[in-house]
């Protein structure tokens, strides 16, 4: 396990798994291959250009019907490969576990 995964195991797919990324507002969509995934992040290979797309926050669609998805943000790009991390709550990274408890304590 590398330090990059920060304590979570990453599952790697040898052939990739067909997924899509889609803008939060639904105005754009790109086909991708899911190369690796963990509880916190994923590595994708994007088909087509991502130039000009708003990748601050977007959806990773895990099913063809769009019923399984995760909210994400871009971490880095290397050619056609992207590393993304999953978001939880309104603009809060999944790794901030105390965020939900703070809301309950008010």
PDB file of N, CA and C in Angstrom:
ATOM      1  N   UNK A   1       0.844  -1.182   0.000  1.00  0.00           N
ATOM      2  CA  UNK A   1       0.000   0.000   0.000  1.00  0.00           C
ATOM      3  C   UNK A   1       0.890   1.246   0.000  1.00  0.00           C
ATOM      4  N   UNK A   2       0.584   2.216  -0.832  1.00  0.00           N
ATOM      5  CA  UNK A   2       1.380   3.432  -0.895  1.00  0.00           C
ATOM      6  C   UNK A   2       0.788   4.489   0.017  1.00  0.00           C
ATOM      7  N   UNK A   3       1.579   5.500   0.284  1.00  0.00           N
ATOM      8  CA  UNK A   3       1.092   6.605   1.107  1.00  0.00           C
ATOM      9  C   UNK A   3      -0.017   7.359   0.389  1.00  0.00           C
ATOM     10  N   UNK A   4      -0.014   7.302  -0.930  1.00  0.00           N
ATOM     11  CA  UNK A   4      -1.003   7.989  -1.756  1.00  0.00           C
ATOM     12  C   UNK A   4      -2.421   7.533  -1.441  1.00  0.00           C
ATOM     13  N   UNK A   5      -2.617   6.256  -1.078  1.00  0.00           N
ATOM     14  CA  UNK A   5      -3.948   5.739  -0.779  1.00  0.00           C
ATOM     15  C   UNK A   5      -4.395   6.070   0.635  1.00  0.00           C
ATOM     16  N   UNK A   6      -3.491   6.550   1.468  1.00  0.00           N
ATOM     17  CA  UNK A   6      -3.801   7.029   2.817  1.00  0.00           C
ATOM     18  C   UNK A   6      -4.632   6.037   3.620  1.00  0.00           C
ATOM     19  N   UNK A   7      -4.173   4.781   3.693  1.00  0.00           N
ATOM     20  CA  UNK A   7      -4.814   3.812   4.559  1.00  0.00           C
ATOM     21  C   UNK A   7      -5.955   3.036   3.945  1.00  0.00           C
ATOM     22  N   UNK A   8      -6.348   3.342   2.713  1.00  0.00           N
ATOM     23  CA  UNK A   8      -7.398   2.564   2.067  1.00  0.00           C
ATOM     24  C   UNK A   8      -6.814   1.805   0.894  1.00  0.00           C
ATOM     25  N   UNK A   9      -7.305   0.589   0.725  1.00  0.00           N
ATOM     26  CA  UNK A   9      -6.822  -0.242  -0.361  1.00  0.00           C
ATOM     27  C   UNK A   9      -7.443   0.189  -1.673  1.00  0.00           C
ATOM     28  N   UNK A  10      -6.652   0.183  -2.704  1.00  0.00           N
ATOM     29  CA  UNK A  10      -7.118   0.550  -4.035  1.00  0.00           C
ATOM     30  C   UNK A  10      -7.271  -0.725  -4.864  1.00  0.00           C
ATOM     31  N   UNK A  11      -8.419  -0.886  -5.504  1.00  0.00           N
ATOM     32  CA  UNK A  11      -8.675  -2.008  -6.385  1.00  0.00           C
ATOM     33  C   UNK A  11      -8.317  -1.571  -7.798  1.00  0.00           C
ATOM     34  N   UNK A  12      -7.503  -2.387  -8.492  1.00  0.00           N
ATOM     35  CA  UNK A  12      -7.073  -2.076  -9.854  1.00  0.00           C
ATOM     36  C   UNK A  12      -7.745  -3.029 -10.832  1.00  0.00           C
ATOM     37  N   UNK A  13      -8.240  -2.491 -11.942  1.00  0.00           N
ATOM     38  CA  UNK A  13      -8.881  -3.278 -12.989  1.00  0.00           C
ATOM     39  C   UNK A  13      -7.911  -3.418 -14.153  1.00  0.00           C
ATOM     40  N   UNK A  14      -7.582  -4.640 -14.539  1.00  0.00           N
ATOM     41  CA  UNK A  14      -6.575  -4.854 -15.583  1.00  0.00           C
ATOM     42  C   UNK A  14      -7.031  -4.337 -16.952  1.00  0.00           C
ATOM     43  N   UNK A  15      -8.308  -4.450 -17.263  1.00  0.00           N
ATOM     44  CA  UNK A  15      -8.814  -3.964 -18.554  1.00  0.00           C
ATOM     45  C   UNK A  15      -9.578  -2.658 -18.430  1.00  0.00           C
ATOM     46  N   UNK A  16      -9.761  -2.173 -17.251  1.00  0.00           N
ATOM     47  CA  UNK A  16     -10.572  -0.977 -17.050  1.00  0.00           C
ATOM     48  C   UNK A  16     -12.050  -1.336 -17.020  1.00  0.00           C
ATOM     49  N   UNK A  17     -12.827  -0.481 -16.413  1.00  0.00           N
ATOM     50  CA  UNK A  17     -14.267  -0.666 -16.276  1.00  0.00           C
ATOM     51  C   UNK A  17     -14.926   0.549 -16.924  1.00  0.00           C
ATOM     52  N   UNK A  18     -15.882   0.343 -17.830  1.00  0.00           N
ATOM     53  CA  UNK A  18     -16.515   1.458 -18.539  1.00  0.00           C
ATOM     54  C   UNK A  18     -17.363   2.308 -17.595  1.00  0.00           C
ATOM     55  N   UNK A  19     -17.047   3.597 -17.540  1.00  0.00           N
ATOM     56  CA  UNK A  19     -17.787   4.567 -16.737  1.00  0.00           C
ATOM     57  C   UNK A  19     -17.875   5.870 -17.534  1.00  0.00           C
ATOM     58  N   UNK A  20     -18.552   6.853 -16.984  1.00  0.00           N
ATOM     59  CA  UNK A  20     -18.630   8.189 -17.584  1.00  0.00           C
ATOM     60  C   UNK A  20     -18.398   9.234 -16.510  1.00  0.00           C
ATOM     61  N   UNK A  21     -17.902  10.385 -16.918  1.00  0.00           N
ATOM     62  CA  UNK A  21     -17.924  11.552 -16.045  1.00  0.00           C
ATOM     63  C   UNK A  21     -18.908  12.534 -16.661  1.00  0.00           C
ATOM     64  N   UNK A  22     -19.579  13.287 -15.805  1.00  0.00           N
ATOM     65  CA  UNK A  22     -20.599  14.225 -16.277  1.00  0.00           C
ATOM     66  C   UNK A  22     -20.571  15.483 -15.426  1.00  0.00           C
ATOM     67  N   UNK A  23     -20.743  16.621 -16.063  1.00  0.00           N
ATOM     68  CA  UNK A  23     -20.799  17.889 -15.349  1.00  0.00           C
ATOM     69  C   UNK A  23     -21.950  17.923 -14.368  1.00  0.00           C
ATOM     70  N   UNK A  24     -21.766  18.640 -13.283  1.00  0.00           N
ATOM     71  CA  UNK A  24     -22.810  18.777 -12.253  1.00  0.00           C
ATOM     72  C   UNK A  24     -24.113  19.289 -12.861  1.00  0.00           C
ATOM     73  N   UNK A  25     -24.001  20.190 -13.848  1.00  0.00           N
ATOM     74  CA  UNK A  25     -25.194  20.756 -14.476  1.00  0.00           C
ATOM     75  C   UNK A  25     -25.699  19.911 -15.653  1.00  0.00           C
ATOM     76  N   UNK A  26     -24.996  18.807 -15.964  1.00  0.00           N
ATOM     77  CA  UNK A  26     -25.432  17.912 -17.025  1.00  0.00           C
ATOM     78  C   UNK A  26     -25.120  18.386 -18.433  1.00  0.00           C
ATOM     79  N   UNK A  27     -24.346  19.453 -18.586  1.00  0.00           N
ATOM     80  CA  UNK A  27     -24.088  20.008 -19.924  1.00  0.00           C
ATOM     81  C   UNK A  27     -22.998  19.279 -20.695  1.00  0.00           C
ATOM     82  N   UNK A  28     -22.205  18.446 -20.023  1.00  0.00           N
ATOM     83  CA  UNK A  28     -21.166  17.682 -20.727  1.00  0.00           C
ATOM     84  C   UNK A  28     -21.041  16.294 -20.121  1.00  0.00           C
ATOM     85  N   UNK A  29     -20.491  15.398 -20.938  1.00  0.00           N
ATOM     86  CA  UNK A  29     -20.305  14.007 -20.520  1.00  0.00           C
ATOM     87  C   UNK A  29     -19.161  13.407 -21.331  1.00  0.00           C
ATOM     88  N   UNK A  30     -18.304  12.611 -20.690  1.00  0.00           N
ATOM     89  CA  UNK A  30     -17.194  11.942 -21.374  1.00  0.00           C
ATOM     90  C   UNK A  30     -17.136  10.477 -20.935  1.00  0.00           C
ATOM     91  N   UNK A  31     -16.918   9.596 -21.914  1.00  0.00           N
ATOM     92  CA  UNK A  31     -16.693   8.186 -21.609  1.00  0.00           C
ATOM     93  C   UNK A  31     -15.295   8.008 -21.040  1.00  0.00           C
ATOM     94  N   UNK A  32     -15.157   7.086 -20.093  1.00  0.00           N
ATOM     95  CA  UNK A  32     -13.878   6.843 -19.424  1.00  0.00           C
ATOM     96  C   UNK A  32     -13.720   5.356 -19.136  1.00  0.00           C
ATOM     97  N   UNK A  33     -12.506   5.000 -18.797  1.00  0.00           N
ATOM     98  CA  UNK A  33     -12.201   3.680 -18.246  1.00  0.00           C
ATOM     99  C   UNK A  33     -11.766   3.899 -16.806  1.00  0.00           C
ATOM    100  N   UNK A  34     -12.375   3.172 -15.890  1.00  0.00           N
ATOM    101  CA  UNK A  34     -11.994   3.204 -14.488  1.00  0.00           C
ATOM    102  C   UNK A  34     -10.851   2.216 -14.321  1.00  0.00           C
ATOM    103  N   UNK A  35      -9.654   2.723 -14.013  1.00  0.00           N
ATOM    104  CA  UNK A  35      -8.469   1.880 -13.889  1.00  0.00           C
ATOM    105  C   UNK A  35      -8.251   1.377 -12.470  1.00  0.00           C
ATOM    106  N   UNK A  36      -8.580   2.217 -11.487  1.00  0.00           N
ATOM    107  CA  UNK A  36      -8.377   1.857 -10.078  1.00  0.00           C
ATOM    108  C   UNK A  36      -9.324   2.694  -9.234  1.00  0.00           C
ATOM    109  N   UNK A  37      -9.722   2.131  -8.080  1.00  0.00           N
ATOM    110  CA  UNK A  37     -10.649   2.849  -7.205  1.00  0.00           C
ATOM    111  C   UNK A  37     -10.407   2.446  -5.756  1.00  0.00           C
ATOM    112  N   UNK A  38     -10.604   3.403  -4.840  1.00  0.00           N
ATOM    113  CA  UNK A  38     -10.577   3.145  -3.402  1.00  0.00           C
ATOM    114  C   UNK A  38     -11.780   3.862  -2.794  1.00  0.00           C
ATOM    115  N   UNK A  39     -11.877   3.859  -1.480  1.00  0.00           N
ATOM    116  CA  UNK A  39     -12.974   4.569  -0.818  1.00  0.00           C
ATOM    117  C   UNK A  39     -12.889   6.072  -1.051  1.00  0.00           C
ATOM    118  N   UNK A  40     -11.679   6.599  -1.249  1.00  0.00           N
ATOM    119  CA  UNK A  40     -11.472   8.041  -1.322  1.00  0.00           C
ATOM    120  C   UNK A  40     -11.210   8.600  -2.704  1.00  0.00           C
ATOM    121  N   UNK A  41     -10.689   7.754  -3.620  1.00  0.00           N
ATOM    122  CA  UNK A  41     -10.254   8.291  -4.909  1.00  0.00           C
ATOM    123  C   UNK A  41     -10.320   7.244  -6.004  1.00  0.00           C
ATOM    124  N   UNK A  42      -9.994   7.685  -7.227  1.00  0.00           N
ATOM    125  CA  UNK A  42     -10.010   6.783  -8.381  1.00  0.00           C
ATOM    126  C   UNK A  42      -9.055   7.307  -9.442  1.00  0.00           C
ATOM    127  N   UNK A  43      -8.670   6.407 -10.352  1.00  0.00           N
ATOM    128  CA  UNK A  43      -7.845   6.756 -11.499  1.00  0.00           C
ATOM    129  C   UNK A  43      -8.627   6.373 -12.748  1.00  0.00           C
ATOM    130  N   UNK A  44      -8.773   7.338 -13.675  1.00  0.00           N
ATOM    131  CA  UNK A  44      -9.551   7.154 -14.891  1.00  0.00           C
ATOM    132  C   UNK A  44      -8.702   7.433 -16.120  1.00  0.00           C
ATOM    133  N   UNK A  45      -9.043   6.788 -17.237  1.00  0.00           N
ATOM    134  CA  UNK A  45      -8.515   7.169 -18.537  1.00  0.00           C
ATOM    135  C   UNK A  45      -9.675   7.756 -19.315  1.00  0.00           C
ATOM    136  N   UNK A  46      -9.536   9.016 -19.729  1.00  0.00           N
ATOM    137  CA  UNK A  46     -10.619   9.739 -20.389  1.00  0.00           C
ATOM    138  C   UNK A  46     -10.529   9.555 -21.894  1.00  0.00           C
ATOM    139  N   UNK A  47     -11.671   9.292 -22.524  1.00  0.00           N
ATOM    140  CA  UNK A  47     -11.757   9.207 -23.977  1.00  0.00           C
ATOM    141  C   UNK A  47     -12.236  10.560 -24.490  1.00  0.00           C
ATOM    142  N   UNK A  48     -11.425  11.222 -25.272  1.00  0.00           N
ATOM    143  CA  UNK A  48     -11.769  12.548 -25.771  1.00  0.00           C
ATOM    144  C   UNK A  48     -11.120  13.629 -24.929  1.00  0.00           C
ATOM    145  N   UNK A  49     -11.315  14.850 -25.346  1.00  0.00           N
ATOM    146  CA  UNK A  49     -10.675  16.000 -24.693  1.00  0.00           C
ATOM    147  C   UNK A  49     -11.437  16.437 -23.447  1.00  0.00           C
ATOM    148  N   UNK A  50     -10.689  16.861 -22.437  1.00  0.00           N
ATOM    149  CA  UNK A  50     -11.311  17.449 -21.241  1.00  0.00           C
ATOM    150  C   UNK A  50     -11.035  18.952 -21.185  1.00  0.00           C
ATOM    151  N   UNK A  51     -10.378  19.464 -22.224  1.00  0.00           N
ATOM    152  CA  UNK A  51     -10.052  20.884 -22.266  1.00  0.00           C
ATOM    153  C   UNK A  51     -11.327  21.726 -22.231  1.00  0.00           C
ATOM    154  N   UNK A  52     -11.352  22.714 -21.359  1.00  0.00           N
ATOM    155  CA  UNK A  52     -12.486  23.610 -21.244  1.00  0.00           C
ATOM    156  C   UNK A  52     -13.602  23.121 -20.339  1.00  0.00           C
ATOM    157  N   UNK A  53     -13.497  21.902 -19.806  1.00  0.00           N
ATOM    158  CA  UNK A  53     -14.538  21.382 -18.917  1.00  0.00           C
ATOM    159  C   UNK A  53     -14.289  21.843 -17.491  1.00  0.00           C
ATOM    160  N   UNK A  54     -15.359  22.100 -16.753  1.00  0.00           N
ATOM    161  CA  UNK A  54     -15.248  22.467 -15.347  1.00  0.00           C
ATOM    162  C   UNK A  54     -15.096  21.182 -14.534  1.00  0.00           C
ATOM    163  N   UNK A  55     -13.862  20.911 -14.093  1.00  0.00           N
ATOM    164  CA  UNK A  55     -13.589  19.683 -13.354  1.00  0.00           C
ATOM    165  C   UNK A  55     -13.397  19.931 -11.862  1.00  0.00           C
ATOM    166  N   UNK A  56     -13.815  21.114 -11.402  1.00  0.00           N
ATOM    167  CA  UNK A  56     -13.752  21.393  -9.965  1.00  0.00           C
ATOM    168  C   UNK A  56     -14.699  20.461  -9.212  1.00  0.00           C
ATOM    169  N   UNK A  57     -15.871  20.223  -9.802  1.00  0.00           N
ATOM    170  CA  UNK A  57     -16.836  19.302  -9.208  1.00  0.00           C
ATOM    171  C   UNK A  57     -17.654  18.679 -10.329  1.00  0.00           C
ATOM    172  N   UNK A  58     -17.748  17.357 -10.340  1.00  0.00           N
ATOM    173  CA  UNK A  58     -18.457  16.638 -11.393  1.00  0.00           C
ATOM    174  C   UNK A  58     -18.894  15.280 -10.861  1.00  0.00           C
ATOM    175  N   UNK A  59     -19.644  14.528 -11.659  1.00  0.00           N
ATOM    176  CA  UNK A  59     -20.103  13.208 -11.267  1.00  0.00           C
ATOM    177  C   UNK A  59     -19.318  12.127 -11.992  1.00  0.00           C
ATOM    178  N   UNK A  60     -19.019  11.050 -11.283  1.00  0.00           N
ATOM    179  CA  UNK A  60     -18.515   9.814 -11.874  1.00  0.00           C
ATOM    180  C   UNK A  60     -19.705   8.870 -11.920  1.00  0.00           C
ATOM    181  N   UNK A  61     -20.183   8.539 -13.133  1.00  0.00           N
ATOM    182  CA  UNK A  61     -21.340   7.662 -13.301  1.00  0.00           C
ATOM    183  C   UNK A  61     -20.847   6.233 -13.413  1.00  0.00           C
ATOM    184  N   UNK A  62     -21.226   5.402 -12.473  1.00  0.00           N
ATOM    185  CA  UNK A  62     -20.750   4.030 -12.402  1.00  0.00           C
ATOM    186  C   UNK A  62     -21.674   3.042 -13.082  1.00  0.00           C
ATOM    187  N   UNK A  63     -22.882   3.480 -13.461  1.00  0.00           N
ATOM    188  CA  UNK A  63     -23.816   2.588 -14.148  1.00  0.00           C
ATOM    189  C   UNK A  63     -24.348   3.288 -15.392  1.00  0.00           C
ATOM    190  N   UNK A  64     -24.781   2.510 -16.362  1.00  0.00           N
ATOM    191  CA  UNK A  64     -25.275   3.080 -17.619  1.00  0.00           C
ATOM    192  C   UNK A  64     -26.572   3.865 -17.425  1.00  0.00           C
ATOM    193  N   UNK A  65     -27.334   3.558 -16.379  1.00  0.00           N
ATOM    194  CA  UNK A  65     -28.586   4.272 -16.115  1.00  0.00           C
ATOM    195  C   UNK A  65     -28.375   5.531 -15.281  1.00  0.00           C
ATOM    196  N   UNK A  66     -27.164   5.700 -14.740  1.00  0.00           N
ATOM    197  CA  UNK A  66     -26.879   6.883 -13.934  1.00  0.00           C
ATOM    198  C   UNK A  66     -27.353   6.776 -12.502  1.00  0.00           C
ATOM    199  N   UNK A  67     -27.815   5.591 -12.084  1.00  0.00           N
ATOM    200  CA  UNK A  67     -28.330   5.440 -10.729  1.00  0.00           C
ATOM    201  C   UNK A  67     -27.226   5.236  -9.691  1.00  0.00           C
ATOM    202  N   UNK A  68     -26.041   4.840 -10.128  1.00  0.00           N
ATOM    203  CA  UNK A  68     -24.895   4.698  -9.216  1.00  0.00           C
ATOM    204  C   UNK A  68     -23.864   5.739  -9.618  1.00  0.00           C
ATOM    205  N   UNK A  69     -23.601   6.684  -8.735  1.00  0.00           N
ATOM    206  CA  UNK A  69     -22.669   7.761  -9.061  1.00  0.00           C
ATOM    207  C   UNK A  69     -21.988   8.276  -7.801  1.00  0.00           C
ATOM    208  N   UNK A  70     -20.885   8.998  -7.993  1.00  0.00           N
ATOM    209  CA  UNK A  70     -20.166   9.661  -6.904  1.00  0.00           C
ATOM    210  C   UNK A  70     -19.833  11.074  -7.342  1.00  0.00           C
ATOM    211  N   UNK A  71     -19.881  12.003  -6.422  1.00  0.00           N
ATOM    212  CA  UNK A  71     -19.470  13.382  -6.692  1.00  0.00           C
ATOM    213  C   UNK A  71     -17.966  13.476  -6.506  1.00  0.00           C
ATOM    214  N   UNK A  72     -17.270  14.141  -7.436  1.00  0.00           N
ATOM    215  CA  UNK A  72     -15.812  14.117  -7.470  1.00  0.00           C
ATOM    216  C   UNK A  72     -15.229  15.494  -7.721  1.00  0.00           C
ATOM    217  N   UNK A  73     -13.907  15.556  -7.550  1.00  0.00           N
ATOM    218  CA  UNK A  73     -13.135  16.703  -8.010  1.00  0.00           C
ATOM    219  C   UNK A  73     -11.811  16.192  -8.557  1.00  0.00           C
ATOM    220  N   UNK A  74     -11.255  16.946  -9.491  1.00  0.00           N
ATOM    221  CA  UNK A  74     -10.005  16.580 -10.129  1.00  0.00           C
ATOM    222  C   UNK A  74      -8.840  16.809  -9.174  1.00  0.00           C
ATOM    223  N   UNK A  75      -7.923  15.839  -9.102  1.00  0.00           N
ATOM    224  CA  UNK A  75      -6.696  15.981  -8.319  1.00  0.00           C
ATOM    225  C   UNK A  75      -5.544  16.320  -9.247  1.00  0.00           C
ATOM    226  N   UNK A  76      -5.365  15.502 -10.323  1.00  0.00           N
ATOM    227  CA  UNK A  76      -4.313  15.811 -11.291  1.00  0.00           C
ATOM    228  C   UNK A  76      -4.598  15.108 -12.602  1.00  0.00           C
ATOM    229  N   UNK A  77      -3.959  15.613 -13.674  1.00  0.00           N
ATOM    230  CA  UNK A  77      -4.088  15.046 -15.017  1.00  0.00           C
ATOM    231  C   UNK A  77      -2.700  14.721 -15.526  1.00  0.00           C
ATOM    232  N   UNK A  78      -2.566  13.549 -16.161  1.00  0.00           N
ATOM    233  CA  UNK A  78      -1.321  13.159 -16.811  1.00  0.00           C
ATOM    234  C   UNK A  78      -1.691  12.566 -18.168  1.00  0.00           C
ATOM    235  N   UNK A  79      -1.674  13.382 -19.203  1.00  0.00           N
ATOM    236  CA  UNK A  79      -2.126  12.947 -20.524  1.00  0.00           C
ATOM    237  C   UNK A  79      -3.617  12.672 -20.505  1.00  0.00           C
ATOM    238  N   UNK A  80      -4.017  11.445 -20.851  1.00  0.00           N
ATOM    239  CA  UNK A  80      -5.443  11.094 -20.834  1.00  0.00           C
ATOM    240  C   UNK A  80      -5.852  10.474 -19.495  1.00  0.00           C
ATOM    241  N   UNK A  81      -4.897  10.336 -18.568  1.00  0.00           N
ATOM    242  CA  UNK A  81      -5.195   9.745 -17.259  1.00  0.00           C
ATOM    243  C   UNK A  81      -5.482  10.845 -16.243  1.00  0.00           C
ATOM    244  N   UNK A  82      -6.539  10.656 -15.462  1.00  0.00           N
ATOM    245  CA  UNK A  82      -6.929  11.613 -14.414  1.00  0.00           C
ATOM    246  C   UNK A  82      -6.982  10.900 -13.081  1.00  0.00           C
ATOM    247  N   UNK A  83      -6.529  11.591 -12.049  1.00  0.00           N
ATOM    248  CA  UNK A  83      -6.754  11.112 -10.692  1.00  0.00           C
ATOM    249  C   UNK A  83      -7.798  12.027 -10.081  1.00  0.00           C
ATOM    250  N   UNK A  84      -8.814  11.420  -9.473  1.00  0.00           N
ATOM    251  CA  UNK A  84      -9.906  12.184  -8.880  1.00  0.00           C
ATOM    252  C   UNK A  84     -10.081  11.765  -7.430  1.00  0.00           C
ATOM    253  N   UNK A  85     -10.716  12.630  -6.649  1.00  0.00           N
ATOM    254  CA  UNK A  85     -11.087  12.238  -5.289  1.00  0.00           C
ATOM    255  C   UNK A  85     -12.570  12.471  -5.113  1.00  0.00           C
ATOM    256  N   UNK A  86     -13.169  11.667  -4.251  1.00  0.00           N
ATOM    257  CA  UNK A  86     -14.600  11.728  -4.027  1.00  0.00           C
ATOM    258  C   UNK A  86     -14.921  12.781  -2.977  1.00  0.00           C
ATOM    259  N   UNK A  87     -16.037  13.460  -3.182  1.00  0.00           N
ATOM    260  CA  UNK A  87     -16.516  14.481  -2.257  1.00  0.00           C
ATOM    261  C   UNK A  87     -17.706  13.945  -1.489  1.00  0.00           C
ATOM    262  N   UNK A  88     -17.877  14.438  -0.275  1.00  0.00           N
ATOM    263  CA  UNK A  88     -19.025  14.049   0.546  1.00  0.00           C
ATOM    264  C   UNK A  88     -19.610  15.303   1.166  1.00  0.00           C
ATOM    265  N   UNK A  89     -20.911  15.429   1.130  1.00  0.00           N
ATOM    266  CA  UNK A  89     -21.549  16.627   1.661  1.00  0.00           C
ATOM    267  C   UNK A  89     -21.334  17.798   0.722  1.00  0.00           C
ATOM    268  N   UNK A  90     -21.754  18.966   1.113  1.00  0.00           N
ATOM    269  CA  UNK A  90     -21.611  20.140   0.262  1.00  0.00           C
ATOM    270  C   UNK A  90     -20.176  20.629   0.283  1.00  0.00           C
ATOM    271  N   UNK A  91     -19.442  20.352  -0.805  1.00  0.00           N
ATOM    272  CA  UNK A  91     -18.051  20.775  -1.000  1.00  0.00           C
ATOM    273  C   UNK A  91     -17.097  20.309   0.089  1.00  0.00           C
ATOM    274  N   UNK A  92     -17.401  19.202   0.760  1.00  0.00           N
ATOM    275  CA  UNK A  92     -16.503  18.674   1.794  1.00  0.00           C
ATOM    276  C   UNK A  92     -15.889  17.383   1.312  1.00  0.00           C
ATOM    277  N   UNK A  93     -14.600  17.248   1.492  1.00  0.00           N
ATOM    278  CA  UNK A  93     -13.914  16.033   1.077  1.00  0.00           C
ATOM    279  C   UNK A  93     -14.314  14.885   1.982  1.00  0.00           C
ATOM    280  N   UNK A  94     -14.368  13.687   1.426  1.00  0.00           N
ATOM    281  CA  UNK A  94     -14.770  12.497   2.177  1.00  0.00           C
ATOM    282  C   UNK A  94     -13.874  12.252   3.376  1.00  0.00           C
ATOM    283  N   UNK A  95     -12.624  12.655   3.272  1.00  0.00           N
ATOM    284  CA  UNK A  95     -11.660  12.377   4.342  1.00  0.00           C
ATOM    285  C   UNK A  95     -11.939  13.164   5.623  1.00  0.00           C
ATOM    286  N   UNK A  96     -12.774  14.193   5.588  1.00  0.00           N
ATOM    287  CA  UNK A  96     -13.051  14.981   6.791  1.00  0.00           C
ATOM    288  C   UNK A  96     -14.202  14.345   7.559  1.00  0.00           C
ATOM    289  N   UNK A  97     -13.903  13.332   8.335  1.00  0.00           N
ATOM    290  CA  UNK A  97     -14.898  12.532   9.036  1.00  0.00           C
ATOM    291  C   UNK A  97     -15.678  13.265  10.110  1.00  0.00           C
ATOM    292  N   UNK A  98     -15.153  14.345  10.685  1.00  0.00           N
ATOM    293  CA  UNK A  98     -15.832  15.048  11.768  1.00  0.00           C
ATOM    294  C   UNK A  98     -16.890  16.020  11.267  1.00  0.00           C
ATOM    295  N   UNK A  99     -16.977  16.268   9.976  1.00  0.00           N
ATOM    296  CA  UNK A  99     -17.894  17.272   9.440  1.00  0.00           C
ATOM    297  C   UNK A  99     -19.356  16.965   9.821  1.00  0.00           C
ATOM    298  N   UNK A 100     -19.759  15.711   9.685  1.00  0.00           N
ATOM    299  CA  UNK A 100     -21.129  15.339  10.030  1.00  0.00           C
ATOM    300  C   UNK A 100     -21.420  15.494  11.499  1.00  0.00           C
ATOM    301  N   UNK A 101     -20.455  15.194  12.361  1.00  0.00           N
ATOM    302  CA  UNK A 101     -20.642  15.326  13.803  1.00  0.00           C
ATOM    303  C   UNK A 101     -20.752  16.784  14.212  1.00  0.00           C
ATOM    304  N   UNK A 102     -20.000  17.668  13.547  1.00  0.00           N
ATOM    305  CA  UNK A 102     -20.080  19.099  13.856  1.00  0.00           C
ATOM    306  C   UNK A 102     -21.493  19.617  13.619  1.00  0.00           C
ATOM    307  N   UNK A 103     -22.146  19.176  12.550  1.00  0.00           N
ATOM    308  CA  UNK A 103     -23.493  19.605  12.237  1.00  0.00           C
ATOM    309  C   UNK A 103     -24.468  19.126  13.309  1.00  0.00           C
ATOM    310  N   UNK A 104     -24.264  17.935  13.839  1.00  0.00           N
ATOM    311  CA  UNK A 104     -25.166  17.410  14.871  1.00  0.00           C
ATOM    312  C   UNK A 104     -24.994  18.143  16.201  1.00  0.00           C
ATOM    313  N   UNK A 105     -23.772  18.572  16.485  1.00  0.00           N
ATOM    314  CA  UNK A 105     -23.508  19.249  17.753  1.00  0.00           C
ATOM    315  C   UNK A 105     -23.973  20.693  17.733  1.00  0.00           C
ATOM    316  N   UNK A 106     -24.165  21.213  16.509  1.00  0.00           N
ATOM    317  CA  UNK A 106     -24.735  22.503  16.266  1.00  0.00           C
ATOM    318  C   UNK A 106     -24.027  23.665  16.727  1.00  0.00           C
TER     319      UNK A 106
END
